[in-house]
Amino acid sequence: FDFLGKDSIRYFNTVEVLPPVYKAIGDFGSGKKEGDDLFDKLDTSKLNAHLKELMPGLTAKVFRTYNASETLDRL
């Protein structure tokens, strides 16, 4: 991953992913130019609706915050 995140801070990281994840990211990127959004077909309202089906009250923001807290806690 290599992109500008919040406040235009560069994020660069190499991670290993499972083959289906690799394929999905490749499919999302197919036909896109540099600078295009990778997940342009992802609608946050649909994502939040899906997350709420998994756990009442769960949103993308809550998930991000939880993930960041867990990640920092492991450092």
Protein backbone atom coordinates (compact mmCIF):
# COMPACT_ATOMS: atom_id res chain seq x y z
CA PHE A 1 0.00 0.00 0.00
CA ASP A 2 1.28 3.44 -0.87
CA PHE A 3 -1.12 6.36 -0.58
CA LEU A 4 -1.72 9.70 1.07
CA GLY A 5 -3.85 9.32 4.15
CA LYS A 6 -5.41 11.76 6.54
CA ASP A 7 -3.74 15.19 6.52
CA SER A 8 -1.83 14.09 3.37
CA ILE A 9 0.50 11.90 5.41
CA ARG A 10 2.04 9.17 3.26
CA TYR A 11 1.21 5.61 4.23
CA PHE A 12 3.51 2.92 2.86
CA ASN A 13 3.31 -0.69 3.94
CA THR A 14 3.85 -4.13 2.44
CA VAL A 15 1.62 -6.88 3.74
CA GLU A 16 0.95 -10.50 2.90
CA VAL A 17 -2.65 -11.27 1.98
CA LEU A 18 -4.56 -14.39 1.07
CA PRO A 19 -4.94 -15.11 -2.67
CA PRO A 20 -8.67 -14.17 -2.75
CA VAL A 21 -7.86 -10.78 -1.18
CA TYR A 22 -5.06 -10.22 -3.70
CA LYS A 23 -7.43 -11.05 -6.56
CA ALA A 24 -10.17 -8.78 -5.20
CA ILE A 25 -7.79 -5.82 -4.90
CA GLY A 26 -6.55 -6.51 -8.43
CA ASP A 27 -10.14 -6.58 -9.68
CA PHE A 28 -10.90 -3.27 -7.97
CA GLY A 29 -7.80 -1.72 -9.57
CA SER A 30 -8.42 -3.08 -13.05
CA GLY A 31 -8.75 -0.31 -15.64
CA LYS A 32 -8.03 2.48 -13.18
CA LYS A 33 -5.48 5.22 -13.63
CA GLU A 34 -3.05 6.36 -10.97
CA GLY A 35 -4.88 8.65 -8.59
CA ASP A 36 -8.27 6.99 -9.12
CA ASP A 37 -10.03 5.75 -6.00
CA LEU A 38 -9.46 2.02 -5.57
CA PHE A 39 -12.76 1.31 -3.83
CA ASP A 40 -14.98 3.65 -5.84
CA LYS A 41 -17.76 1.05 -5.96
CA LEU A 42 -17.89 0.79 -2.18
CA ASP A 43 -20.72 2.83 -0.73
CA THR A 44 -20.33 3.67 2.97
CA SER A 45 -24.05 3.42 3.65
CA LYS A 46 -24.08 -0.13 2.23
CA LEU A 47 -20.95 -1.00 4.21
CA ASN A 48 -22.46 0.33 7.43
CA ALA A 49 -25.70 -1.55 6.78
CA HIS A 50 -23.69 -4.76 6.31
CA LEU A 51 -21.67 -4.16 9.48
CA LYS A 52 -24.85 -3.50 11.48
CA GLU A 53 -26.16 -6.89 10.32
CA LEU A 54 -23.07 -8.47 11.86
CA MET A 55 -23.32 -6.51 15.12
CA PRO A 56 -25.90 -3.90 16.13
CA GLY A 57 -24.29 -0.45 16.35
CA LEU A 58 -21.19 -1.45 14.39
CA THR A 59 -20.13 1.12 11.79
CA ALA A 60 -17.03 1.60 9.68
CA LYS A 61 -15.92 4.37 12.04
CA VAL A 62 -16.32 2.15 15.11
CA PHE A 63 -14.48 -0.67 13.34
CA ARG A 64 -11.61 1.66 12.35
CA THR A 65 -11.31 3.00 15.88
CA TYR A 66 -11.35 -0.49 17.38
CA ASN A 67 -8.77 -1.75 14.89
CA ALA A 68 -6.47 1.22 15.53
CA SER A 69 -6.78 0.76 19.28
CA GLU A 70 -5.98 -2.95 19.04
CA THR A 71 -3.04 -2.29 16.72
CA LEU A 72 -1.54 0.38 18.96
CA ASP A 73 -2.11 -1.76 22.03
CA ARG A 74 0.09 -4.48 20.48
CA LEU A 75 3.01 -2.07 19.96
